[in-house]
Amino acid sequence: PSYGFENKPEENELIYRTINASGANVVLVGVGAPKQEKWIFRHKSRMPGVDIWMALGATVDFEAGNVKRAPKWMQMLAMEWFYRFLMEPKRMFRRYFVDDVKFFLYFGRQLLGIYRNPFKD
């Protein structure tokens, strides 16, 4: 899809028609987080024949060798996101430090023991 496709109704219609006409029951979406998850959530009802949705993120780029993965030690410490930020700060800054601020707020509250789970009584 083109850049910004998620906000272009005519392009989304073409995607629905293409997937529906193909008879696919598994769809892989790899346009990056959280865009791919949001797109799947908002549009999956338009493709009722699809039983399985997979958000791949940069998996294809990693496997194709287009994007270098973090060193193993960073992967093992769950710091791959930080490595990706260091490699592409302009692209990743908004994702990690603007869009994900709410996550860090909840995470900090949980570490301090003051997070209240909204799903518990």
PDB file of N, CA and C in Angstrom:
ATOM      1  N   PRO A   1       0.826  -1.205   0.000  1.00  0.00           N
ATOM      2  CA  PRO A   1       0.000   0.000   0.000  1.00  0.00           C
ATOM      3  C   PRO A   1       0.862   1.257   0.000  1.00  0.00           C
ATOM      4  N   SER A   2       0.251   2.352  -0.334  1.00  0.00           N
ATOM      5  CA  SER A   2       0.974   3.623  -0.357  1.00  0.00           C
ATOM      6  C   SER A   2       1.119   4.182   1.059  1.00  0.00           C
ATOM      7  N   TYR A   3       2.026   5.143   1.214  1.00  0.00           N
ATOM      8  CA  TYR A   3       2.202   5.809   2.498  1.00  0.00           C
ATOM      9  C   TYR A   3       0.888   6.484   2.887  1.00  0.00           C
ATOM     10  N   GLY A   4       0.442   6.268   4.118  1.00  0.00           N
ATOM     11  CA  GLY A   4      -0.796   6.875   4.587  1.00  0.00           C
ATOM     12  C   GLY A   4      -2.045   6.166   4.103  1.00  0.00           C
ATOM     13  N   PHE A   5      -1.899   4.950   3.575  1.00  0.00           N
ATOM     14  CA  PHE A   5      -3.042   4.218   3.018  1.00  0.00           C
ATOM     15  C   PHE A   5      -4.180   4.049   4.012  1.00  0.00           C
ATOM     16  N   GLU A   6      -3.845   3.951   5.292  1.00  0.00           N
ATOM     17  CA  GLU A   6      -4.871   3.704   6.305  1.00  0.00           C
ATOM     18  C   GLU A   6      -5.885   4.831   6.393  1.00  0.00           C
ATOM     19  N   ASN A   7      -5.537   6.003   5.873  1.00  0.00           N
ATOM     20  CA  ASN A   7      -6.444   7.156   5.882  1.00  0.00           C
ATOM     21  C   ASN A   7      -7.055   7.437   4.515  1.00  0.00           C
ATOM     22  N   LYS A   8      -6.926   6.506   3.591  1.00  0.00           N
ATOM     23  CA  LYS A   8      -7.449   6.684   2.235  1.00  0.00           C
ATOM     24  C   LYS A   8      -8.543   5.653   1.974  1.00  0.00           C
ATOM     25  N   PRO A   9      -9.812   6.051   2.127  1.00  0.00           N
ATOM     26  CA  PRO A   9     -10.916   5.101   1.967  1.00  0.00           C
ATOM     27  C   PRO A   9     -10.891   4.341   0.642  1.00  0.00           C
ATOM     28  N   GLU A  10     -10.543   5.031  -0.450  1.00  0.00           N
ATOM     29  CA  GLU A  10     -10.546   4.351  -1.752  1.00  0.00           C
ATOM     30  C   GLU A  10      -9.470   3.266  -1.816  1.00  0.00           C
ATOM     31  N   GLU A  11      -8.341   3.497  -1.186  1.00  0.00           N
ATOM     32  CA  GLU A  11      -7.291   2.478  -1.182  1.00  0.00           C
ATOM     33  C   GLU A  11      -7.677   1.303  -0.286  1.00  0.00           C
ATOM     34  N   ASN A  12      -8.324   1.598   0.834  1.00  0.00           N
ATOM     35  CA  ASN A  12      -8.790   0.523   1.701  1.00  0.00           C
ATOM     36  C   ASN A  12      -9.851  -0.321   1.007  1.00  0.00           C
ATOM     37  N   GLU A  13     -10.743   0.320   0.256  1.00  0.00           N
ATOM     38  CA  GLU A  13     -11.753  -0.429  -0.511  1.00  0.00           C
ATOM     39  C   GLU A  13     -11.088  -1.390  -1.488  1.00  0.00           C
ATOM     40  N   LEU A  14     -10.036  -0.934  -2.151  1.00  0.00           N
ATOM     41  CA  LEU A  14      -9.307  -1.790  -3.084  1.00  0.00           C
ATOM     42  C   LEU A  14      -8.681  -2.977  -2.347  1.00  0.00           C
ATOM     43  N   ILE A  15      -8.154  -2.726  -1.172  1.00  0.00           N
ATOM     44  CA  ILE A  15      -7.575  -3.809  -0.367  1.00  0.00           C
ATOM     45  C   ILE A  15      -8.655  -4.821  -0.006  1.00  0.00           C
ATOM     46  N   TYR A  16      -9.830  -4.342   0.457  1.00  0.00           N
ATOM     47  CA  TYR A  16     -10.926  -5.256   0.805  1.00  0.00           C
ATOM     48  C   TYR A  16     -11.304  -6.112  -0.397  1.00  0.00           C
ATOM     49  N   ARG A  17     -11.511  -5.459  -1.526  1.00  0.00           N
ATOM     50  CA  ARG A  17     -11.938  -6.188  -2.730  1.00  0.00           C
ATOM     51  C   ARG A  17     -10.903  -7.226  -3.149  1.00  0.00           C
ATOM     52  N   THR A  18      -9.646  -6.847  -3.114  1.00  0.00           N
ATOM     53  CA  THR A  18      -8.579  -7.762  -3.524  1.00  0.00           C
ATOM     54  C   THR A  18      -8.522  -8.985  -2.612  1.00  0.00           C
ATOM     55  N   ILE A  19      -8.567  -8.750  -1.311  1.00  0.00           N
ATOM     56  CA  ILE A  19      -8.507  -9.863  -0.357  1.00  0.00           C
ATOM     57  C   ILE A  19      -9.755 -10.728  -0.461  1.00  0.00           C
ATOM     58  N   ASN A  20     -10.923 -10.104  -0.514  1.00  0.00           N
ATOM     59  CA  ASN A  20     -12.164 -10.872  -0.606  1.00  0.00           C
ATOM     60  C   ASN A  20     -12.222 -11.691  -1.889  1.00  0.00           C
ATOM     61  N   ALA A  21     -11.813 -11.114  -3.003  1.00  0.00           N
ATOM     62  CA  ALA A  21     -11.848 -11.823  -4.290  1.00  0.00           C
ATOM     63  C   ALA A  21     -10.850 -12.976  -4.325  1.00  0.00           C
ATOM     64  N   SER A  22      -9.779 -12.863  -3.555  1.00  0.00           N
ATOM     65  CA  SER A  22      -8.748 -13.906  -3.573  1.00  0.00           C
ATOM     66  C   SER A  22      -9.188 -15.168  -2.846  1.00  0.00           C
ATOM     67  N   GLY A  23     -10.143 -15.021  -1.929  1.00  0.00           N
ATOM     68  CA  GLY A  23     -10.572 -16.161  -1.130  1.00  0.00           C
ATOM     69  C   GLY A  23      -9.607 -16.481   0.008  1.00  0.00           C
ATOM     70  N   ALA A  24      -8.671 -15.592   0.265  1.00  0.00           N
ATOM     71  CA  ALA A  24      -7.687 -15.825   1.330  1.00  0.00           C
ATOM     72  C   ALA A  24      -8.371 -15.926   2.685  1.00  0.00           C
ATOM     73  N   ASN A  25      -7.915 -16.875   3.495  1.00  0.00           N
ATOM     74  CA  ASN A  25      -8.434 -16.941   4.856  1.00  0.00           C
ATOM     75  C   ASN A  25      -7.351 -16.610   5.886  1.00  0.00           C
ATOM     76  N   VAL A  26      -6.131 -16.339   5.414  1.00  0.00           N
ATOM     77  CA  VAL A  26      -5.030 -15.884   6.263  1.00  0.00           C
ATOM     78  C   VAL A  26      -4.433 -14.644   5.606  1.00  0.00           C
ATOM     79  N   VAL A  27      -4.289 -13.568   6.381  1.00  0.00           N
ATOM     80  CA  VAL A  27      -3.708 -12.334   5.850  1.00  0.00           C
ATOM     81  C   VAL A  27      -2.570 -11.893   6.770  1.00  0.00           C
ATOM     82  N   LEU A  28      -1.431 -11.607   6.151  1.00  0.00           N
ATOM     83  CA  LEU A  28      -0.260 -11.109   6.865  1.00  0.00           C
ATOM     84  C   LEU A  28      -0.141  -9.621   6.588  1.00  0.00           C
ATOM     85  N   VAL A  29      -0.014  -8.817   7.644  1.00  0.00           N
ATOM     86  CA  VAL A  29       0.089  -7.367   7.495  1.00  0.00           C
ATOM     87  C   VAL A  29       1.426  -6.938   8.088  1.00  0.00           C
ATOM     88  N   GLY A  30       2.253  -6.288   7.280  1.00  0.00           N
ATOM     89  CA  GLY A  30       3.575  -5.883   7.743  1.00  0.00           C
ATOM     90  C   GLY A  30       3.874  -4.441   7.412  1.00  0.00           C
ATOM     91  N   VAL A  31       3.167  -3.531   8.050  1.00  0.00           N
ATOM     92  CA  VAL A  31       3.389  -2.100   7.800  1.00  0.00           C
ATOM     93  C   VAL A  31       3.905  -1.381   9.043  1.00  0.00           C
ATOM     94  N   GLY A  32       4.267  -2.131  10.073  1.00  0.00           N
ATOM     95  CA  GLY A  32       4.825  -1.536  11.283  1.00  0.00           C
ATOM     96  C   GLY A  32       3.802  -1.337  12.382  1.00  0.00           C
ATOM     97  N   ALA A  33       4.295  -1.464  13.600  1.00  0.00           N
ATOM     98  CA  ALA A  33       3.454  -1.279  14.772  1.00  0.00           C
ATOM     99  C   ALA A  33       3.433   0.201  15.148  1.00  0.00           C
ATOM    100  N   PRO A  34       2.350   0.681  15.649  1.00  0.00           N
ATOM    101  CA  PRO A  34       1.079   0.013  15.882  1.00  0.00           C
ATOM    102  C   PRO A  34       0.111   0.149  14.706  1.00  0.00           C
ATOM    103  N   LYS A  35       0.602   0.710  13.596  1.00  0.00           N
ATOM    104  CA  LYS A  35      -0.270   0.943  12.442  1.00  0.00           C
ATOM    105  C   LYS A  35      -0.964  -0.344  11.992  1.00  0.00           C
ATOM    106  N   GLN A  36      -0.215  -1.441  11.898  1.00  0.00           N
ATOM    107  CA  GLN A  36      -0.790  -2.677  11.387  1.00  0.00           C
ATOM    108  C   GLN A  36      -1.867  -3.226  12.319  1.00  0.00           C
ATOM    109  N   GLU A  37      -1.641  -3.163  13.624  1.00  0.00           N
ATOM    110  CA  GLU A  37      -2.636  -3.657  14.573  1.00  0.00           C
ATOM    111  C   GLU A  37      -3.901  -2.807  14.534  1.00  0.00           C
ATOM    112  N   LYS A  38      -3.723  -1.498  14.455  1.00  0.00           N
ATOM    113  CA  LYS A  38      -4.881  -0.607  14.371  1.00  0.00           C
ATOM    114  C   LYS A  38      -5.652  -0.851  13.084  1.00  0.00           C
ATOM    115  N   TRP A  39      -4.927  -1.036  11.969  1.00  0.00           N
ATOM    116  CA  TRP A  39      -5.596  -1.255  10.684  1.00  0.00           C
ATOM    117  C   TRP A  39      -6.390  -2.557  10.722  1.00  0.00           C
ATOM    118  N   ILE A  40      -5.790  -3.613  11.223  1.00  0.00           N
ATOM    119  CA  ILE A  40      -6.493  -4.899  11.318  1.00  0.00           C
ATOM    120  C   ILE A  40      -7.751  -4.741  12.160  1.00  0.00           C
ATOM    121  N   PHE A  41      -7.630  -4.129  13.322  1.00  0.00           N
ATOM    122  CA  PHE A  41      -8.773  -3.965  14.221  1.00  0.00           C
ATOM    123  C   PHE A  41      -9.911  -3.192  13.554  1.00  0.00           C
ATOM    124  N   ARG A  42      -9.573  -2.121  12.851  1.00  0.00           N
ATOM    125  CA  ARG A  42     -10.592  -1.263  12.241  1.00  0.00           C
ATOM    126  C   ARG A  42     -11.221  -1.848  10.980  1.00  0.00           C
ATOM    127  N   HIS A  43     -10.494  -2.699  10.253  1.00  0.00           N
ATOM    128  CA  HIS A  43     -10.956  -3.104   8.931  1.00  0.00           C
ATOM    129  C   HIS A  43     -11.261  -4.585   8.765  1.00  0.00           C
ATOM    130  N   LYS A  44     -10.957  -5.425   9.746  1.00  0.00           N
ATOM    131  CA  LYS A  44     -11.130  -6.862   9.559  1.00  0.00           C
ATOM    132  C   LYS A  44     -12.575  -7.268   9.289  1.00  0.00           C
ATOM    133  N   SER A  45     -13.521  -6.510   9.790  1.00  0.00           N
ATOM    134  CA  SER A  45     -14.931  -6.858   9.558  1.00  0.00           C
ATOM    135  C   SER A  45     -15.313  -6.743   8.085  1.00  0.00           C
ATOM    136  N   ARG A  46     -14.543  -5.997   7.304  1.00  0.00           N
ATOM    137  CA  ARG A  46     -14.826  -5.837   5.877  1.00  0.00           C
ATOM    138  C   ARG A  46     -14.329  -7.023   5.054  1.00  0.00           C
ATOM    139  N   MET A  47     -13.615  -7.940   5.698  1.00  0.00           N
ATOM    140  CA  MET A  47     -13.077  -9.122   5.023  1.00  0.00           C
ATOM    141  C   MET A  47     -13.471 -10.359   5.824  1.00  0.00           C
ATOM    142  N   PRO A  48     -14.770 -10.724   5.772  1.00  0.00           N
ATOM    143  CA  PRO A  48     -15.298 -11.783   6.632  1.00  0.00           C
ATOM    144  C   PRO A  48     -14.732 -13.177   6.367  1.00  0.00           C
ATOM    145  N   GLY A  49     -14.145 -13.398   5.220  1.00  0.00           N
ATOM    146  CA  GLY A  49     -13.586 -14.712   4.917  1.00  0.00           C
ATOM    147  C   GLY A  49     -12.239 -14.971   5.561  1.00  0.00           C
ATOM    148  N   VAL A  50     -11.659 -13.933   6.154  1.00  0.00           N
ATOM    149  CA  VAL A  50     -10.335 -14.083   6.763  1.00  0.00           C
ATOM    150  C   VAL A  50     -10.498 -14.575   8.195  1.00  0.00           C
ATOM    151  N   ASP A  51      -9.882 -15.734   8.471  1.00  0.00           N
ATOM    152  CA  ASP A  51      -9.948 -16.332   9.802  1.00  0.00           C
ATOM    153  C   ASP A  51      -8.749 -15.968  10.668  1.00  0.00           C
ATOM    154  N   ILE A  52      -7.610 -15.755  10.036  1.00  0.00           N
ATOM    155  CA  ILE A  52      -6.375 -15.510  10.781  1.00  0.00           C
ATOM    156  C   ILE A  52      -5.705 -14.245  10.263  1.00  0.00           C
ATOM    157  N   TRP A  53      -5.409 -13.338  11.191  1.00  0.00           N
ATOM    158  CA  TRP A  53      -4.690 -12.096  10.882  1.00  0.00           C
ATOM    159  C   TRP A  53      -3.359 -12.149  11.609  1.00  0.00           C
ATOM    160  N   MET A  54      -2.292 -11.803  10.915  1.00  0.00           N
ATOM    161  CA  MET A  54      -0.971 -11.777  11.545  1.00  0.00           C
ATOM    162  C   MET A  54      -0.305 -10.435  11.270  1.00  0.00           C
ATOM    163  N   ALA A  55       0.058  -9.740  12.335  1.00  0.00           N
ATOM    164  CA  ALA A  55       0.782  -8.475  12.221  1.00  0.00           C
ATOM    165  C   ALA A  55       2.272  -8.796  12.320  1.00  0.00           C
ATOM    166  N   LEU A  56       2.994  -8.606  11.224  1.00  0.00           N
ATOM    167  CA  LEU A  56       4.389  -9.037  11.149  1.00  0.00           C
ATOM    168  C   LEU A  56       5.409  -7.969  11.492  1.00  0.00           C
ATOM    169  N   GLY A  57       5.015  -6.707  11.435  1.00  0.00           N
ATOM    170  CA  GLY A  57       5.985  -5.648  11.705  1.00  0.00           C
ATOM    171  C   GLY A  57       7.147  -5.714  10.742  1.00  0.00           C
ATOM    172  N   ALA A  58       8.337  -5.653  11.293  1.00  0.00           N
ATOM    173  CA  ALA A  58       9.548  -5.653  10.458  1.00  0.00           C
ATOM    174  C   ALA A  58      10.091  -7.055  10.214  1.00  0.00           C
ATOM    175  N   THR A  59       9.324  -8.081  10.529  1.00  0.00           N
ATOM    176  CA  THR A  59       9.794  -9.457  10.378  1.00  0.00           C
ATOM    177  C   THR A  59      10.323  -9.738   8.981  1.00  0.00           C
ATOM    178  N   VAL A  60       9.584  -9.332   7.966  1.00  0.00           N
ATOM    179  CA  VAL A  60      10.009  -9.591   6.590  1.00  0.00           C
ATOM    180  C   VAL A  60      11.322  -8.867   6.296  1.00  0.00           C
ATOM    181  N   ASP A  61      11.439  -7.620   6.754  1.00  0.00           N
ATOM    182  CA  ASP A  61      12.687  -6.873   6.554  1.00  0.00           C
ATOM    183  C   ASP A  61      13.865  -7.532   7.273  1.00  0.00           C
ATOM    184  N   PHE A  62      13.629  -8.036   8.484  1.00  0.00           N
ATOM    185  CA  PHE A  62      14.693  -8.729   9.209  1.00  0.00           C
ATOM    186  C   PHE A  62      15.131  -9.976   8.455  1.00  0.00           C
ATOM    187  N   GLU A  63      14.156 -10.794   8.065  1.00  0.00           N
ATOM    188  CA  GLU A  63      14.466 -12.055   7.392  1.00  0.00           C
ATOM    189  C   GLU A  63      15.107 -11.847   6.027  1.00  0.00           C
ATOM    190  N   ALA A  64      14.734 -10.779   5.343  1.00  0.00           N
ATOM    191  CA  ALA A  64      15.304 -10.488   4.023  1.00  0.00           C
ATOM    192  C   ALA A  64      16.680  -9.835   4.126  1.00  0.00           C
ATOM    193  N   GLY A  65      17.061  -9.450   5.341  1.00  0.00           N
ATOM    194  CA  GLY A  65      18.354  -8.807   5.523  1.00  0.00           C
ATOM    195  C   GLY A  65      18.347  -7.322   5.207  1.00  0.00           C
ATOM    196  N   ASN A  66      17.157  -6.737   5.050  1.00  0.00           N
ATOM    197  CA  ASN A  66      17.055  -5.304   4.767  1.00  0.00           C
ATOM    198  C   ASN A  66      17.284  -4.448   6.005  1.00  0.00           C
ATOM    199  N   VAL A  67      16.970  -4.997   7.176  1.00  0.00           N
ATOM    200  CA  VAL A  67      17.135  -4.291   8.445  1.00  0.00           C
ATOM    201  C   VAL A  67      17.955  -5.187   9.363  1.00  0.00           C
ATOM    202  N   LYS A  68      19.005  -4.627   9.942  1.00  0.00           N
ATOM    203  CA  LYS A  68      19.870  -5.387  10.837  1.00  0.00           C
ATOM    204  C   LYS A  68      19.230  -5.485  12.216  1.00  0.00           C
ATOM    205  N   ARG A  69      19.219  -6.682  12.767  1.00  0.00           N
ATOM    206  CA  ARG A  69      18.688  -6.884  14.113  1.00  0.00           C
ATOM    207  C   ARG A  69      19.693  -6.427  15.157  1.00  0.00           C
ATOM    208  N   ALA A  70      19.180  -6.198  16.333  1.00  0.00           N
ATOM    209  CA  ALA A  70      20.026  -5.796  17.457  1.00  0.00           C
ATOM    210  C   ALA A  70      20.968  -6.936  17.828  1.00  0.00           C
ATOM    211  N   PRO A  71      22.080  -6.611  18.487  1.00  0.00           N
ATOM    212  CA  PRO A  71      22.969  -7.676  18.975  1.00  0.00           C
ATOM    213  C   PRO A  71      22.193  -8.621  19.899  1.00  0.00           C
ATOM    214  N   LYS A  72      22.630  -9.864  19.954  1.00  0.00           N
ATOM    215  CA  LYS A  72      21.931 -10.890  20.751  1.00  0.00           C
ATOM    216  C   LYS A  72      21.727 -10.456  22.200  1.00  0.00           C
ATOM    217  N   TRP A  73      22.732  -9.794  22.794  1.00  0.00           N
ATOM    218  CA  TRP A  73      22.588  -9.413  24.194  1.00  0.00           C
ATOM    219  C   TRP A  73      21.444  -8.423  24.378  1.00  0.00           C
ATOM    220  N   MET A  74      21.234  -7.536  23.400  1.00  0.00           N
ATOM    221  CA  MET A  74      20.124  -6.580  23.489  1.00  0.00           C
ATOM    222  C   MET A  74      18.794  -7.300  23.276  1.00  0.00           C
ATOM    223  N   GLN A  75      18.773  -8.266  22.373  1.00  0.00           N
ATOM    224  CA  GLN A  75      17.558  -9.051  22.162  1.00  0.00           C
ATOM    225  C   GLN A  75      17.179  -9.784  23.448  1.00  0.00           C
ATOM    226  N   MET A  76      18.175 -10.379  24.107  1.00  0.00           N
ATOM    227  CA  MET A  76      17.909 -11.150  25.327  1.00  0.00           C
ATOM    228  C   MET A  76      17.439 -10.268  26.481  1.00  0.00           C
ATOM    229  N   LEU A  77      17.815  -8.995  26.466  1.00  0.00           N
ATOM    230  CA  LEU A  77      17.383  -8.057  27.507  1.00  0.00           C
ATOM    231  C   LEU A  77      16.117  -7.297  27.115  1.00  0.00           C
ATOM    232  N   ALA A  78      15.485  -7.709  26.006  1.00  0.00           N
ATOM    233  CA  ALA A  78      14.275  -7.046  25.491  1.00  0.00           C
ATOM    234  C   ALA A  78      14.536  -5.573  25.191  1.00  0.00           C
ATOM    235  N   MET A  79      15.726  -5.285  24.672  1.00  0.00           N
ATOM    236  CA  MET A  79      16.106  -3.907  24.360  1.00  0.00           C
ATOM    237  C   MET A  79      16.233  -3.669  22.853  1.00  0.00           C
ATOM    238  N   GLU A  80      15.669  -4.564  22.066  1.00  0.00           N
ATOM    239  CA  GLU A  80      15.771  -4.399  20.620  1.00  0.00           C
ATOM    240  C   GLU A  80      15.117  -3.097  20.174  1.00  0.00           C
ATOM    241  N   TRP A  81      14.051  -2.713  20.858  1.00  0.00           N
ATOM    242  CA  TRP A  81      13.393  -1.450  20.527  1.00  0.00           C
ATOM    243  C   TRP A  81      14.374  -0.284  20.667  1.00  0.00           C
ATOM    244  N   PHE A  82      15.224  -0.312  21.700  1.00  0.00           N
ATOM    245  CA  PHE A  82      16.186   0.767  21.924  1.00  0.00           C
ATOM    246  C   PHE A  82      17.250   0.783  20.828  1.00  0.00           C
ATOM    247  N   TYR A  83      17.687  -0.382  20.415  1.00  0.00           N
ATOM    248  CA  TYR A  83      18.641  -0.485  19.312  1.00  0.00           C
ATOM    249  C   TYR A  83      18.034   0.115  18.043  1.00  0.00           C
ATOM    250  N   ARG A  84      16.777  -0.222  17.775  1.00  0.00           N
ATOM    251  CA  ARG A  84      16.117   0.322  16.583  1.00  0.00           C
ATOM    252  C   ARG A  84      15.996   1.839  16.682  1.00  0.00           C
ATOM    253  N   PHE A  85      15.740   2.351  17.876  1.00  0.00           N
ATOM    254  CA  PHE A  85      15.694   3.802  18.068  1.00  0.00           C
ATOM    255  C   PHE A  85      17.060   4.425  17.774  1.00  0.00           C
ATOM    256  N   LEU A  86      18.128   3.808  18.263  1.00  0.00           N
ATOM    257  CA  LEU A  86      19.475   4.336  18.015  1.00  0.00           C
ATOM    258  C   LEU A  86      19.827   4.319  16.529  1.00  0.00           C
ATOM    259  N   MET A  87      19.344   3.308  15.802  1.00  0.00           N
ATOM    260  CA  MET A  87      19.644   3.187  14.374  1.00  0.00           C
ATOM    261  C   MET A  87      18.809   4.144  13.518  1.00  0.00           C
ATOM    262  N   GLU A  88      17.570   4.425  13.956  1.00  0.00           N
ATOM    263  CA  GLU A  88      16.662   5.284  13.191  1.00  0.00           C
ATOM    264  C   GLU A  88      15.940   6.261  14.119  1.00  0.00           C
ATOM    265  N   PRO A  89      16.676   7.176  14.755  1.00  0.00           N
ATOM    266  CA  PRO A  89      16.047   8.041  15.761  1.00  0.00           C
ATOM    267  C   PRO A  89      14.916   8.910  15.222  1.00  0.00           C
ATOM    268  N   LYS A  90      15.049   9.450  14.022  1.00  0.00           N
ATOM    269  CA  LYS A  90      13.987  10.313  13.486  1.00  0.00           C
ATOM    270  C   LYS A  90      12.701   9.537  13.269  1.00  0.00           C
ATOM    271  N   ARG A  91      12.819   8.328  12.751  1.00  0.00           N
ATOM    272  CA  ARG A  91      11.628   7.527  12.456  1.00  0.00           C
ATOM    273  C   ARG A  91      11.020   6.926  13.720  1.00  0.00           C
ATOM    274  N   MET A  92      11.852   6.531  14.665  1.00  0.00           N
ATOM    275  CA  MET A  92      11.360   5.814  15.836  1.00  0.00           C
ATOM    276  C   MET A  92      11.029   6.703  17.032  1.00  0.00           C
ATOM    277  N   PHE A  93      11.492   7.953  17.050  1.00  0.00           N
ATOM    278  CA  PHE A  93      11.262   8.810  18.208  1.00  0.00           C
ATOM    279  C   PHE A  93       9.777   8.928  18.531  1.00  0.00           C
ATOM    280  N   ARG A  94       8.981   9.283  17.536  1.00  0.00           N
ATOM    281  CA  ARG A  94       7.548   9.459  17.782  1.00  0.00           C
ATOM    282  C   ARG A  94       6.912   8.168  18.291  1.00  0.00           C
ATOM    283  N   ARG A  95       7.239   7.048  17.665  1.00  0.00           N
ATOM    284  CA  ARG A  95       6.646   5.775  18.073  1.00  0.00           C
ATOM    285  C   ARG A  95       6.926   5.475  19.537  1.00  0.00           C
ATOM    286  N   TYR A  96       8.193   5.595  19.935  1.00  0.00           N
ATOM    287  CA  TYR A  96       8.577   5.168  21.270  1.00  0.00           C
ATOM    288  C   TYR A  96       8.395   6.218  22.353  1.00  0.00           C
ATOM    289  N   PHE A  97       8.564   7.487  22.011  1.00  0.00           N
ATOM    290  CA  PHE A  97       8.577   8.511  23.049  1.00  0.00           C
ATOM    291  C   PHE A  97       7.400   9.479  23.006  1.00  0.00           C
ATOM    292  N   VAL A  98       6.528   9.350  22.028  1.00  0.00           N
ATOM    293  CA  VAL A  98       5.310  10.154  21.981  1.00  0.00           C
ATOM    294  C   VAL A  98       4.105   9.219  22.045  1.00  0.00           C
ATOM    295  N   ASP A  99       3.998   8.321  21.053  1.00  0.00           N
ATOM    296  CA  ASP A  99       2.841   7.425  20.993  1.00  0.00           C
ATOM    297  C   ASP A  99       2.815   6.428  22.147  1.00  0.00           C
ATOM    298  N   ASP A 100       3.980   6.007  22.621  1.00  0.00           N
ATOM    299  CA  ASP A 100       4.037   4.983  23.660  1.00  0.00           C
ATOM    300  C   ASP A 100       4.165   5.535  25.078  1.00  0.00           C
ATOM    301  N   VAL A 101       4.029   6.847  25.254  1.00  0.00           N
ATOM    302  CA  VAL A 101       4.178   7.444  26.582  1.00  0.00           C
ATOM    303  C   VAL A 101       3.183   6.832  27.566  1.00  0.00           C
ATOM    304  N   LYS A 102       1.976   6.573  27.112  1.00  0.00           N
ATOM    305  CA  LYS A 102       0.967   5.991  27.992  1.00  0.00           C
ATOM    306  C   LYS A 102       1.436   4.634  28.526  1.00  0.00           C
ATOM    307  N   PHE A 103       2.062   3.849  27.657  1.00  0.00           N
ATOM    308  CA  PHE A 103       2.592   2.558  28.093  1.00  0.00           C
ATOM    309  C   PHE A 103       3.613   2.751  29.211  1.00  0.00           C
ATOM    310  N   PHE A 104       4.546   3.692  29.014  1.00  0.00           N
ATOM    311  CA  PHE A 104       5.581   3.917  30.023  1.00  0.00           C
ATOM    312  C   PHE A 104       4.970   4.409  31.335  1.00  0.00           C
ATOM    313  N   LEU A 105       3.910   5.194  31.253  1.00  0.00           N
ATOM    314  CA  LEU A 105       3.217   5.652  32.457  1.00  0.00           C
ATOM    315  C   LEU A 105       2.645   4.455  33.222  1.00  0.00           C
ATOM    316  N   TYR A 106       1.929   3.581  32.512  1.00  0.00           N
ATOM    317  CA  TYR A 106       1.361   2.391  33.156  1.00  0.00           C
ATOM    318  C   TYR A 106       2.453   1.468  33.688  1.00  0.00           C
ATOM    319  N   PHE A 107       3.523   1.311  32.919  1.00  0.00           N
ATOM    320  CA  PHE A 107       4.634   0.458  33.333  1.00  0.00           C
ATOM    321  C   PHE A 107       5.268   1.000  34.616  1.00  0.00           C
ATOM    322  N   GLY A 108       5.503   2.300  34.671  1.00  0.00           N
ATOM    323  CA  GLY A 108       6.065   2.922  35.864  1.00  0.00           C
ATOM    324  C   GLY A 108       5.163   2.748  37.071  1.00  0.00           C
ATOM    325  N   ARG A 109       3.873   2.919  36.870  1.00  0.00           N
ATOM    326  CA  ARG A 109       2.924   2.728  37.976  1.00  0.00           C
ATOM    327  C   ARG A 109       2.962   1.290  38.478  1.00  0.00           C
ATOM    328  N   GLN A 110       3.064   0.351  37.541  1.00  0.00           N
ATOM    329  CA  GLN A 110       3.120  -1.048  37.944  1.00  0.00           C
ATOM    330  C   GLN A 110       4.398  -1.330  38.737  1.00  0.00           C
ATOM    331  N   LEU A 111       5.526  -0.787  38.292  1.00  0.00           N
ATOM    332  CA  LEU A 111       6.786  -0.978  39.018  1.00  0.00           C
ATOM    333  C   LEU A 111       6.707  -0.412  40.433  1.00  0.00           C
ATOM    334  N   LEU A 112       6.003   0.702  40.585  1.00  0.00           N
ATOM    335  CA  LEU A 112       5.864   1.336  41.897  1.00  0.00           C
ATOM    336  C   LEU A 112       4.757   0.715  42.741  1.00  0.00           C
ATOM    337  N   GLY A 113       4.009  -0.205  42.153  1.00  0.00           N
ATOM    338  CA  GLY A 113       2.929  -0.870  42.877  1.00  0.00           C
ATOM    339  C   GLY A 113       1.684  -0.026  43.020  1.00  0.00           C
ATOM    340  N   ILE A 114       1.522   1.015  42.184  1.00  0.00           N
ATOM    341  CA  ILE A 114       0.343   1.877  42.299  1.00  0.00           C
ATOM    342  C   ILE A 114      -0.597   1.760  41.098  1.00  0.00           C
ATOM    343  N   TYR A 115      -0.324   0.793  40.227  1.00  0.00           N
ATOM    344  CA  TYR A 115      -1.194   0.596  39.065  1.00  0.00           C
ATOM    345  C   TYR A 115      -2.447  -0.145  39.492  1.00  0.00           C
ATOM    346  N   ARG A 116      -3.607   0.373  39.105  1.00  0.00           N
ATOM    347  CA  ARG A 116      -4.874  -0.291  39.390  1.00  0.00           C
ATOM    348  C   ARG A 116      -5.382  -0.913  38.106  1.00  0.00           C
ATOM    349  N   ASN A 117      -5.524  -2.233  38.097  1.00  0.00           N
ATOM    350  CA  ASN A 117      -6.019  -2.945  36.928  1.00  0.00           C
ATOM    351  C   ASN A 117      -7.486  -2.600  36.719  1.00  0.00           C
ATOM    352  N   PRO A 118      -7.846  -1.991  35.587  1.00  0.00           N
ATOM    353  CA  PRO A 118      -9.238  -1.598  35.354  1.00  0.00           C
ATOM    354  C   PRO A 118     -10.154  -2.785  35.098  1.00  0.00           C
ATOM    355  N   PHE A 119      -9.588  -3.976  34.917  1.00  0.00           N
ATOM    356  CA  PHE A 119     -10.397  -5.147  34.614  1.00  0.00           C
ATOM    357  C   PHE A 119     -10.690  -5.999  35.840  1.00  0.00           C
ATOM    358  N   LYS A 120     -10.145  -5.608  36.995  1.00  0.00           N
ATOM    359  CA  LYS A 120     -10.431  -6.321  38.239  1.00  0.00           C
ATOM    360  C   LYS A 120     -11.451  -5.530  39.042  1.00  0.00           C
ATOM    361  N   ASP A 121     -12.188  -6.229  39.866  1.00  0.00           N
ATOM    362  CA  ASP A 121     -13.206  -5.569  40.716  1.00  0.00           C
ATOM    363  C   ASP A 121     -12.606  -4.651  41.718  1.00  0.00           C
TER     364      ASP A 121
END
